Amino acid sequence: MTPKGILVSIGGAEDKGTDLELGIFTRNILNFMEMGILKNIVNLLKDKTARIEVITTASQIPDEVYPNYEEAFTKLGFNNIGHFRIRNREDVMDIALIERLKKCDALMFSGGNQLRLTSIFGGTEFLDIVHERYINDYFIIAGTSAGAMAMSNTMIYEGNATNAHLKGEVKITTGLALLQGVIIDSHLNKRGRFPRLAQAVAANPGAIGIGLGEDTGVIVHNGEVLEAIGSGAIFIVDGRKIGYNNIGDAEFDEPISVENMVVHIMSKGNTFNLKTRQFSAGKAIVAQ
């Protein structure tokens, strides 16, 4: 079934003076959000009375993270903002929060640790409702950094970029599964994460790797068309045509070898169709 909702996956914003994973903030976050990615998110909402709920579960400092989003959304003319301060599985089962989830128009997942998202939301009614609303409603789900990585069904949760060419250095688990058949990684440029995304695709050649640079993201239309937004680059790693691949036979900590992995680099305005695996320099977007 074609989703009626829209996903927005953001690669992080280190080059704009903020790092949501490390909890380092400057006032430049407002410039990043107003002039950059966040403006793309609010442009998708039908009107400025829309209810936006910010989920800070991934962060270790939720009370510092949320006010930055609240102020940024307010500067863009949206005043109906809420905070899902969910810290454990008991919180996520709160009836009042579930009712708010049913009524809001958009969710924004902050950065932090993606394993916190999957371990707290996995198998809950809350996540079931998120999936249902994404499929059946015009519902916006955005996430930055860890919040973006958790959107895929296959999720990277650990991996040292320096040693990512060695088998076993990249750890994978199940994500929130809002987007099927992909693996998303963030902070690709500043943290040199291309090798770990490549290893993840080598281990799952049927999946398409989406590597998001800082101040960069993708809008996912109809569950299949990626539209590049932001100022940086997006790497698309396609393993369908892989020939030789030793990842199944190599010993742990040995270098992997992979033949014919296809890589596309996208910038603002380019699109990529996950179903047909076709790149377009223009906006080849399926109509809503």
C-alpha atoms as a PDB file:
ATOM      1  CA  MET A   1       0.000   0.000   0.000  1.00  0.00           C
ATOM      2  CA  THR A   2       1.295   3.458  -0.915  1.00  0.00           C
ATOM      3  CA  PRO A   3       1.744   5.601   2.211  1.00  0.00           C
ATOM      4  CA  LYS A   4      -0.176   8.858   2.352  1.00  0.00           C
ATOM      5  CA  GLY A   5       2.363  10.244   4.811  1.00  0.00           C
ATOM      6  CA  ILE A   6       5.785  11.761   4.189  1.00  0.00           C
ATOM      7  CA  LEU A   7       9.129  10.968   5.810  1.00  0.00           C
ATOM      8  CA  VAL A   8      11.926  13.499   6.206  1.00  0.00           C
ATOM      9  CA  SER A   9      15.335  12.045   7.092  1.00  0.00           C
ATOM     10  CA  ILE A  10      18.037  14.547   8.090  1.00  0.00           C
ATOM     11  CA  GLY A  11      21.755  13.826   8.308  1.00  0.00           C
ATOM     12  CA  GLY A  12      22.609  16.164  11.202  1.00  0.00           C
ATOM     13  CA  ALA A  13      23.895  19.740  11.324  1.00  0.00           C
ATOM     14  CA  GLU A  14      27.475  19.800  12.586  1.00  0.00           C
ATOM     15  CA  ASP A  15      28.515  22.330   9.967  1.00  0.00           C
ATOM     16  CA  LYS A  16      25.874  24.734  11.306  1.00  0.00           C
ATOM     17  CA  GLY A  17      27.211  24.770  14.849  1.00  0.00           C
ATOM     18  CA  THR A  18      25.186  22.046  16.508  1.00  0.00           C
ATOM     19  CA  ASP A  19      25.592  18.344  17.188  1.00  0.00           C
ATOM     20  CA  LEU A  20      22.421  16.785  18.497  1.00  0.00           C
ATOM     21  CA  GLU A  21      24.118  13.462  19.233  1.00  0.00           C
ATOM     22  CA  LEU A  22      26.721  14.979  21.531  1.00  0.00           C
ATOM     23  CA  GLY A  23      24.390  17.535  23.033  1.00  0.00           C
ATOM     24  CA  ILE A  24      26.518  20.544  22.042  1.00  0.00           C
ATOM     25  CA  PHE A  25      24.329  23.538  21.234  1.00  0.00           C
ATOM     26  CA  THR A  26      24.839  27.058  19.991  1.00  0.00           C
ATOM     27  CA  ARG A  27      22.390  29.711  18.905  1.00  0.00           C
ATOM     28  CA  ASN A  28      23.232  28.771  15.326  1.00  0.00           C
ATOM     29  CA  ILE A  29      20.741  25.909  15.589  1.00  0.00           C
ATOM     30  CA  LEU A  30      18.030  28.470  14.923  1.00  0.00           C
ATOM     31  CA  ASN A  31      19.764  29.608  11.740  1.00  0.00           C
ATOM     32  CA  PHE A  32      20.118  25.976  10.677  1.00  0.00           C
ATOM     33  CA  MET A  33      16.475  25.263  11.273  1.00  0.00           C
ATOM     34  CA  GLU A  34      15.034  28.497   9.960  1.00  0.00           C
ATOM     35  CA  MET A  35      17.103  28.762   6.827  1.00  0.00           C
ATOM     36  CA  GLY A  36      17.712  25.075   6.209  1.00  0.00           C
ATOM     37  CA  ILE A  37      16.151  21.701   6.781  1.00  0.00           C
ATOM     38  CA  LEU A  38      13.409  22.553   9.257  1.00  0.00           C
ATOM     39  CA  LYS A  39      11.911  25.023   6.818  1.00  0.00           C
ATOM     40  CA  ASN A  40      11.442  22.141   4.380  1.00  0.00           C
ATOM     41  CA  ILE A  41       9.548  20.214   7.045  1.00  0.00           C
ATOM     42  CA  VAL A  42       7.122  22.995   7.937  1.00  0.00           C
ATOM     43  CA  ASN A  43       6.504  23.698   4.245  1.00  0.00           C
ATOM     44  CA  LEU A  44       4.988  20.215   4.017  1.00  0.00           C
ATOM     45  CA  LEU A  45       2.353  21.040   6.648  1.00  0.00           C
ATOM     46  CA  LYS A  46      -0.980  22.301   5.364  1.00  0.00           C
ATOM     47  CA  ASP A  47      -1.339  25.257   7.736  1.00  0.00           C
ATOM     48  CA  LYS A  48       0.327  26.885  10.725  1.00  0.00           C
ATOM     49  CA  THR A  49      -2.227  25.551  13.183  1.00  0.00           C
ATOM     50  CA  ALA A  50      -0.788  22.047  12.670  1.00  0.00           C
ATOM     51  CA  ARG A  51       0.202  20.176  15.822  1.00  0.00           C
ATOM     52  CA  ILE A  52       3.882  19.164  15.905  1.00  0.00           C
ATOM     53  CA  GLU A  53       5.149  16.761  18.578  1.00  0.00           C
ATOM     54  CA  VAL A  54       8.900  16.561  19.235  1.00  0.00           C
ATOM     55  CA  ILE A  55      10.241  13.192  20.437  1.00  0.00           C
ATOM     56  CA  THR A  56      13.529  13.483  22.358  1.00  0.00           C
ATOM     57  CA  THR A  57      13.786   9.836  23.413  1.00  0.00           C
ATOM     58  CA  ALA A  58      17.116   9.305  21.632  1.00  0.00           C
ATOM     59  CA  SER A  59      18.794  12.160  23.498  1.00  0.00           C
ATOM     60  CA  GLN A  60      20.393  12.003  26.942  1.00  0.00           C
ATOM     61  CA  ILE A  61      19.517  15.657  27.498  1.00  0.00           C
ATOM     62  CA  PRO A  62      15.858  15.972  26.421  1.00  0.00           C
ATOM     63  CA  ASP A  63      15.185  19.099  28.466  1.00  0.00           C
ATOM     64  CA  GLU A  64      17.964  20.930  26.623  1.00  0.00           C
ATOM     65  CA  VAL A  65      17.053  19.587  23.193  1.00  0.00           C
ATOM     66  CA  TYR A  66      13.328  20.325  23.134  1.00  0.00           C
ATOM     67  CA  PRO A  67      13.391  24.116  23.756  1.00  0.00           C
ATOM     68  CA  ASN A  68      15.609  24.579  20.697  1.00  0.00           C
ATOM     69  CA  TYR A  69      13.032  22.878  18.473  1.00  0.00           C
ATOM     70  CA  GLU A  70      10.175  24.731  20.131  1.00  0.00           C
ATOM     71  CA  GLU A  71      11.829  28.094  19.545  1.00  0.00           C
ATOM     72  CA  ALA A  72      12.784  27.241  15.971  1.00  0.00           C
ATOM     73  CA  PHE A  73       9.277  26.077  15.026  1.00  0.00           C
ATOM     74  CA  THR A  74       7.853  29.180  16.683  1.00  0.00           C
ATOM     75  CA  LYS A  75      10.148  31.414  14.641  1.00  0.00           C
ATOM     76  CA  LEU A  76       8.711  29.759  11.541  1.00  0.00           C
ATOM     77  CA  GLY A  77       5.186  30.640  12.645  1.00  0.00           C
ATOM     78  CA  PHE A  78       4.120  27.361  14.259  1.00  0.00           C
ATOM     79  CA  ASN A  79       2.946  27.701  17.867  1.00  0.00           C
ATOM     80  CA  ASN A  80       1.153  24.383  18.415  1.00  0.00           C
ATOM     81  CA  ILE A  81       4.223  22.439  19.584  1.00  0.00           C
ATOM     82  CA  GLY A  82       4.422  19.609  22.098  1.00  0.00           C
ATOM     83  CA  HIS A  83       7.106  17.477  23.715  1.00  0.00           C
ATOM     84  CA  PHE A  84       6.907  13.694  23.967  1.00  0.00           C
ATOM     85  CA  ARG A  85       9.397  13.318  26.808  1.00  0.00           C
ATOM     86  CA  ILE A  86       9.520   9.526  26.598  1.00  0.00           C
ATOM     87  CA  ARG A  87      12.395   7.986  28.565  1.00  0.00           C
ATOM     88  CA  ASN A  88      11.363   4.318  28.941  1.00  0.00           C
ATOM     89  CA  ARG A  89       8.800   1.732  27.850  1.00  0.00           C
ATOM     90  CA  GLU A  90       6.491   2.670  30.710  1.00  0.00           C
ATOM     91  CA  ASP A  91       6.314   6.235  29.377  1.00  0.00           C
ATOM     92  CA  VAL A  92       5.527   5.120  25.837  1.00  0.00           C
ATOM     93  CA  MET A  93       2.436   3.264  27.067  1.00  0.00           C
ATOM     94  CA  ASP A  94       0.913   6.379  28.639  1.00  0.00           C
ATOM     95  CA  ILE A  95      -2.679   6.686  27.401  1.00  0.00           C
ATOM     96  CA  ALA A  96      -2.590  10.483  27.282  1.00  0.00           C
ATOM     97  CA  LEU A  97       0.475  10.438  25.007  1.00  0.00           C
ATOM     98  CA  ILE A  98      -1.136   7.878  22.736  1.00  0.00           C
ATOM     99  CA  GLU A  99      -4.208  10.106  22.391  1.00  0.00           C
ATOM    100  CA  ARG A 100      -1.971  13.050  21.510  1.00  0.00           C
ATOM    101  CA  LEU A 101      -0.239  10.897  18.901  1.00  0.00           C
ATOM    102  CA  LYS A 102      -3.590  10.154  17.276  1.00  0.00           C
ATOM    103  CA  LYS A 103      -4.367  13.860  16.923  1.00  0.00           C
ATOM    104  CA  CYS A 104      -1.051  15.465  15.920  1.00  0.00           C
ATOM    105  CA  ASP A 105      -0.041  16.313  12.356  1.00  0.00           C
ATOM    106  CA  ALA A 106       3.719  15.770  12.547  1.00  0.00           C
ATOM    107  CA  LEU A 107       6.428  14.069  14.588  1.00  0.00           C
ATOM    108  CA  MET A 108      10.032  15.235  14.912  1.00  0.00           C
ATOM    109  CA  PHE A 109      12.564  12.705  16.261  1.00  0.00           C
ATOM    110  CA  SER A 110      15.693  14.345  17.685  1.00  0.00           C
ATOM    111  CA  GLY A 111      19.206  12.922  17.460  1.00  0.00           C
ATOM    112  CA  GLY A 112      21.013  10.852  20.062  1.00  0.00           C
ATOM    113  CA  ASN A 113      21.243   7.074  20.307  1.00  0.00           C
ATOM    114  CA  GLN A 114      19.104   5.159  17.816  1.00  0.00           C
ATOM    115  CA  LEU A 115      19.101   2.040  20.019  1.00  0.00           C
ATOM    116  CA  ARG A 116      17.116   4.027  22.580  1.00  0.00           C
ATOM    117  CA  LEU A 117      14.431   4.527  19.944  1.00  0.00           C
ATOM    118  CA  THR A 118      14.190   0.897  18.871  1.00  0.00           C
ATOM    119  CA  SER A 119      14.436  -0.578  22.383  1.00  0.00           C
ATOM    120  CA  ILE A 120      11.789   1.771  23.801  1.00  0.00           C
ATOM    121  CA  PHE A 121       9.310   1.971  20.899  1.00  0.00           C
ATOM    122  CA  GLY A 122       9.698  -1.504  19.406  1.00  0.00           C
ATOM    123  CA  GLY A 123       6.596  -3.696  19.694  1.00  0.00           C
ATOM    124  CA  THR A 124       4.437  -0.966  21.276  1.00  0.00           C
ATOM    125  CA  GLU A 125       0.986   0.350  20.462  1.00  0.00           C
ATOM    126  CA  PHE A 126       2.614   3.759  20.035  1.00  0.00           C
ATOM    127  CA  LEU A 127       4.772   2.524  17.149  1.00  0.00           C
ATOM    128  CA  ASP A 128       1.824   0.640  15.629  1.00  0.00           C
ATOM    129  CA  ILE A 129      -0.131   3.906  15.538  1.00  0.00           C
ATOM    130  CA  VAL A 130       2.818   5.740  13.978  1.00  0.00           C
ATOM    131  CA  HIS A 131       2.906   3.124  11.205  1.00  0.00           C
ATOM    132  CA  GLU A 132      -0.857   3.213  10.735  1.00  0.00           C
ATOM    133  CA  ARG A 133      -0.979   6.991  10.511  1.00  0.00           C
ATOM    134  CA  TYR A 134       1.956   7.078   8.090  1.00  0.00           C
ATOM    135  CA  ILE A 135       0.114   4.703   5.774  1.00  0.00           C
ATOM    136  CA  ASN A 136      -3.403   6.115   6.075  1.00  0.00           C
ATOM    137  CA  ASP A 137      -3.043   9.849   6.856  1.00  0.00           C
ATOM    138  CA  TYR A 138      -1.184  12.837   5.493  1.00  0.00           C
ATOM    139  CA  PHE A 139       1.244  12.535   8.407  1.00  0.00           C
ATOM    140  CA  ILE A 140       4.734  14.031   8.510  1.00  0.00           C
ATOM    141  CA  ILE A 141       7.464  12.057  10.301  1.00  0.00           C
ATOM    142  CA  ALA A 142      10.854  13.742  10.477  1.00  0.00           C
ATOM    143  CA  GLY A 143      14.051  12.666  12.181  1.00  0.00           C
ATOM    144  CA  THR A 144      17.574  13.985  12.448  1.00  0.00           C
ATOM    145  CA  SER A 145      20.744  11.921  12.917  1.00  0.00           C
ATOM    146  CA  ALA A 146      19.708   8.953  15.107  1.00  0.00           C
ATOM    147  CA  GLY A 147      16.084   9.854  14.425  1.00  0.00           C
ATOM    148  CA  ALA A 148      16.757   9.459  10.706  1.00  0.00           C
ATOM    149  CA  MET A 149      18.761   6.243  11.013  1.00  0.00           C
ATOM    150  CA  ALA A 150      16.006   4.537  13.001  1.00  0.00           C
ATOM    151  CA  MET A 151      13.461   5.021  10.208  1.00  0.00           C
ATOM    152  CA  SER A 152      14.756   2.098   8.149  1.00  0.00           C
ATOM    153  CA  ASN A 153      13.901  -1.556   8.676  1.00  0.00           C
ATOM    154  CA  THR A 154      17.626  -2.428   8.811  1.00  0.00           C
ATOM    155  CA  MET A 155      19.475  -0.062  11.158  1.00  0.00           C
ATOM    156  CA  ILE A 156      23.143   0.584  11.852  1.00  0.00           C
ATOM    157  CA  TYR A 157      23.580   1.035  15.583  1.00  0.00           C
ATOM    158  CA  GLU A 158      27.357   0.943  15.953  1.00  0.00           C
ATOM    159  CA  GLY A 159      30.485   0.984  13.823  1.00  0.00           C
ATOM    160  CA  ASN A 160      33.851   2.675  14.018  1.00  0.00           C
ATOM    161  CA  ALA A 161      34.275   4.553  10.732  1.00  0.00           C
ATOM    162  CA  THR A 162      38.059   4.108  10.815  1.00  0.00           C
ATOM    163  CA  ASN A 163      37.777   0.299  10.851  1.00  0.00           C
ATOM    164  CA  ALA A 164      34.559  -0.050   8.865  1.00  0.00           C
ATOM    165  CA  HIS A 165      36.387  -1.860   6.029  1.00  0.00           C
ATOM    166  CA  LEU A 166      36.941  -4.778   8.418  1.00  0.00           C
ATOM    167  CA  LYS A 167      34.290  -7.467   8.695  1.00  0.00           C
ATOM    168  CA  GLY A 168      32.279  -7.283  11.903  1.00  0.00           C
ATOM    169  CA  GLU A 169      33.017  -3.654  12.712  1.00  0.00           C
ATOM    170  CA  VAL A 170      29.536  -2.537  11.617  1.00  0.00           C
ATOM    171  CA  LYS A 171      26.685  -3.583  13.903  1.00  0.00           C
ATOM    172  CA  ILE A 172      23.173  -3.901  12.496  1.00  0.00           C
ATOM    173  CA  THR A 173      19.764  -4.490  14.048  1.00  0.00           C
ATOM    174  CA  THR A 174      16.096  -3.879  13.259  1.00  0.00           C
ATOM    175  CA  GLY A 175      14.942  -0.263  13.085  1.00  0.00           C
ATOM    176  CA  LEU A 176      11.484   1.292  13.359  1.00  0.00           C
ATOM    177  CA  ALA A 177      10.773   0.005   9.818  1.00  0.00           C
ATOM    178  CA  LEU A 178       8.948   3.054   8.498  1.00  0.00           C
ATOM    179  CA  LEU A 179      10.934   2.701   5.283  1.00  0.00           C
ATOM    180  CA  GLN A 180      11.521  -0.752   3.841  1.00  0.00           C
ATOM    181  CA  GLY A 181      14.499  -2.016   1.860  1.00  0.00           C
ATOM    182  CA  VAL A 182      16.931   0.709   2.905  1.00  0.00           C
ATOM    183  CA  ILE A 183      19.728   1.368   5.386  1.00  0.00           C
ATOM    184  CA  ILE A 184      20.205   4.990   6.496  1.00  0.00           C
ATOM    185  CA  ASP A 185      23.388   6.495   7.910  1.00  0.00           C
ATOM    186  CA  SER A 186      23.947  10.095   9.032  1.00  0.00           C
ATOM    187  CA  HIS A 187      26.849  12.533   9.492  1.00  0.00           C
ATOM    188  CA  LEU A 188      28.424  10.840   6.489  1.00  0.00           C
ATOM    189  CA  ASN A 189      30.875  13.615   5.679  1.00  0.00           C
ATOM    190  CA  LYS A 190      32.147  14.911   9.015  1.00  0.00           C
ATOM    191  CA  ARG A 191      32.462  11.428  10.512  1.00  0.00           C
ATOM    192  CA  GLY A 192      33.694   9.593   7.409  1.00  0.00           C
ATOM    193  CA  ARG A 193      30.958   6.975   7.552  1.00  0.00           C
ATOM    194  CA  PHE A 194      30.804   5.919   3.900  1.00  0.00           C
ATOM    195  CA  PRO A 195      32.795   2.687   4.539  1.00  0.00           C
ATOM    196  CA  ARG A 196      30.383   1.540   7.242  1.00  0.00           C
ATOM    197  CA  LEU A 197      27.378   2.200   5.006  1.00  0.00           C
ATOM    198  CA  ALA A 198      29.129   0.252   2.230  1.00  0.00           C
ATOM    199  CA  GLN A 199      29.733  -2.709   4.575  1.00  0.00           C
ATOM    200  CA  ALA A 200      26.100  -2.637   5.692  1.00  0.00           C
ATOM    201  CA  VAL A 201      24.971  -2.830   2.051  1.00  0.00           C
ATOM    202  CA  ALA A 202      27.521  -5.555   1.272  1.00  0.00           C
ATOM    203  CA  ALA A 203      25.935  -7.625   4.045  1.00  0.00           C
ATOM    204  CA  ASN A 204      22.429  -6.757   2.745  1.00  0.00           C
ATOM    205  CA  PRO A 205      22.764  -6.322  -1.057  1.00  0.00           C
ATOM    206  CA  GLY A 206      19.015  -6.120  -1.521  1.00  0.00           C
ATOM    207  CA  ALA A 207      18.885  -2.929   0.526  1.00  0.00           C
ATOM    208  CA  ILE A 208      19.714   0.539  -0.725  1.00  0.00           C
ATOM    209  CA  GLY A 209      22.084   2.553   1.435  1.00  0.00           C
ATOM    210  CA  ILE A 210      21.195   6.201   2.023  1.00  0.00           C
ATOM    211  CA  GLY A 211      24.116   8.215   3.377  1.00  0.00           C
ATOM    212  CA  LEU A 212      23.103  11.657   4.611  1.00  0.00           C
ATOM    213  CA  GLY A 213      25.613  14.460   4.960  1.00  0.00           C
ATOM    214  CA  GLU A 214      25.298  17.282   7.459  1.00  0.00           C
ATOM    215  CA  ASP A 215      22.679  19.990   6.801  1.00  0.00           C
ATOM    216  CA  THR A 216      21.234  17.592   4.232  1.00  0.00           C
ATOM    217  CA  GLY A 217      18.282  15.259   4.039  1.00  0.00           C
ATOM    218  CA  VAL A 218      15.725  13.474   1.921  1.00  0.00           C
ATOM    219  CA  ILE A 219      11.974  13.863   1.697  1.00  0.00           C
ATOM    220  CA  VAL A 220      10.423  10.460   1.005  1.00  0.00           C
ATOM    221  CA  HIS A 221       7.324  10.748  -1.173  1.00  0.00           C
ATOM    222  CA  ASN A 222       4.899   7.833  -1.534  1.00  0.00           C
ATOM    223  CA  GLY A 223       7.288   5.575   0.343  1.00  0.00           C
ATOM    224  CA  GLU A 224       9.564   5.269  -2.684  1.00  0.00           C
ATOM    225  CA  VAL A 225      10.830   8.570  -4.140  1.00  0.00           C
ATOM    226  CA  LEU A 226      13.693  10.346  -2.375  1.00  0.00           C
ATOM    227  CA  GLU A 227      13.960  14.097  -2.932  1.00  0.00           C
ATOM    228  CA  ALA A 228      17.262  15.648  -1.842  1.00  0.00           C
ATOM    229  CA  ILE A 229      17.110  18.788   0.305  1.00  0.00           C
ATOM    230  CA  GLY A 230      19.691  20.905   2.098  1.00  0.00           C
ATOM    231  CA  SER A 231      23.158  22.175   1.275  1.00  0.00           C
ATOM    232  CA  GLY A 232      25.217  18.968   1.262  1.00  0.00           C
ATOM    233  CA  ALA A 233      25.484  15.611  -0.479  1.00  0.00           C
ATOM    234  CA  ILE A 234      23.556  12.365  -0.220  1.00  0.00           C
ATOM    235  CA  PHE A 235      25.193   9.070  -1.167  1.00  0.00           C
ATOM    236  CA  ILE A 236      23.014   6.309  -2.569  1.00  0.00           C
ATOM    237  CA  VAL A 237      24.657   2.874  -2.378  1.00  0.00           C
ATOM    238  CA  ASP A 238      23.016   0.176  -4.510  1.00  0.00           C
ATOM    239  CA  GLY A 239      24.152  -3.410  -4.006  1.00  0.00           C
ATOM    240  CA  ARG A 240      21.882  -5.093  -6.542  1.00  0.00           C
ATOM    241  CA  LYS A 241      24.653  -5.528  -9.130  1.00  0.00           C
ATOM    242  CA  ILE A 242      27.323  -6.694  -6.689  1.00  0.00           C
ATOM    243  CA  GLY A 243      29.429  -9.512  -8.136  1.00  0.00           C
ATOM    244  CA  TYR A 244      32.265 -10.766  -5.987  1.00  0.00           C
ATOM    245  CA  ASN A 245      31.560 -10.296  -2.286  1.00  0.00           C
ATOM    246  CA  ASN A 246      33.654 -11.972   0.404  1.00  0.00           C
ATOM    247  CA  ILE A 247      31.787 -10.695   3.450  1.00  0.00           C
ATOM    248  CA  GLY A 248      30.256 -14.103   4.077  1.00  0.00           C
ATOM    249  CA  ASP A 249      33.595 -15.921   4.026  1.00  0.00           C
ATOM    250  CA  ALA A 250      36.066 -13.418   5.472  1.00  0.00           C
ATOM    251  CA  GLU A 251      37.194 -13.833   9.058  1.00  0.00           C
ATOM    252  CA  PHE A 252      36.169 -11.205  11.561  1.00  0.00           C
ATOM    253  CA  ASP A 253      38.518  -8.181  11.481  1.00  0.00           C
ATOM    254  CA  GLU A 254      39.680  -9.073   7.952  1.00  0.00           C
ATOM    255  CA  PRO A 255      39.158  -6.528   5.130  1.00  0.00           C
ATOM    256  CA  ILE A 256      36.118  -7.087   2.980  1.00  0.00           C
ATOM    257  CA  SER A 257      36.149  -7.122  -0.842  1.00  0.00           C
ATOM    258  CA  VAL A 258      33.123  -6.100  -2.889  1.00  0.00           C
ATOM    259  CA  GLU A 259      32.812  -5.835  -6.678  1.00  0.00           C
ATOM    260  CA  ASN A 260      30.501  -3.563  -8.659  1.00  0.00           C
ATOM    261  CA  MET A 261      28.771  -1.668  -5.886  1.00  0.00           C
ATOM    262  CA  VAL A 262      26.941   1.256  -7.530  1.00  0.00           C
ATOM    263  CA  VAL A 263      27.104   4.710  -5.930  1.00  0.00           C
ATOM    264  CA  HIS A 264      25.085   7.811  -6.800  1.00  0.00           C
ATOM    265  CA  ILE A 265      25.684  11.253  -5.302  1.00  0.00           C
ATOM    266  CA  MET A 266      22.627  13.474  -4.933  1.00  0.00           C
ATOM    267  CA  SER A 267      22.330  17.170  -4.213  1.00  0.00           C
ATOM    268  CA  LYS A 268      19.384  19.502  -3.680  1.00  0.00           C
ATOM    269  CA  GLY A 269      16.576  18.870  -6.153  1.00  0.00           C
ATOM    270  CA  ASN A 270      17.794  15.453  -7.363  1.00  0.00           C
ATOM    271  CA  THR A 271      15.539  12.449  -6.861  1.00  0.00           C
ATOM    272  CA  PHE A 272      15.989   8.699  -6.592  1.00  0.00           C
ATOM    273  CA  ASN A 273      13.256   6.084  -6.968  1.00  0.00           C
ATOM    274  CA  LEU A 274      13.735   3.232  -4.506  1.00  0.00           C
ATOM    275  CA  LYS A 275      11.431   0.946  -6.489  1.00  0.00           C
ATOM    276  CA  THR A 276      12.993   1.403  -9.937  1.00  0.00           C
ATOM    277  CA  ARG A 277      16.437   2.333  -8.530  1.00  0.00           C
ATOM    278  CA  GLN A 278      16.641   5.230 -10.950  1.00  0.00           C
ATOM    279  CA  PHE A 279      18.399   8.549 -10.342  1.00  0.00           C
ATOM    280  CA  SER A 280      16.950  11.770 -11.753  1.00  0.00           C
ATOM    281  CA  ALA A 281      18.570  15.194 -11.853  1.00  0.00           C
ATOM    282  CA  GLY A 282      15.108  16.743 -11.651  1.00  0.00           C
ATOM    283  CA  LYS A 283      12.040  16.219  -9.516  1.00  0.00           C
ATOM    284  CA  ALA A 284      10.679  12.932 -10.851  1.00  0.00           C
ATOM    285  CA  ILE A 285       8.197  12.689  -7.984  1.00  0.00           C
ATOM    286  CA  VAL A 286       5.090  10.538  -8.027  1.00  0.00           C
ATOM    287  CA  ALA A 287       2.016  12.718  -7.555  1.00  0.00           C
ATOM    288  CA  GLN A 288       0.501  12.830  -4.067  1.00  0.00           C
END
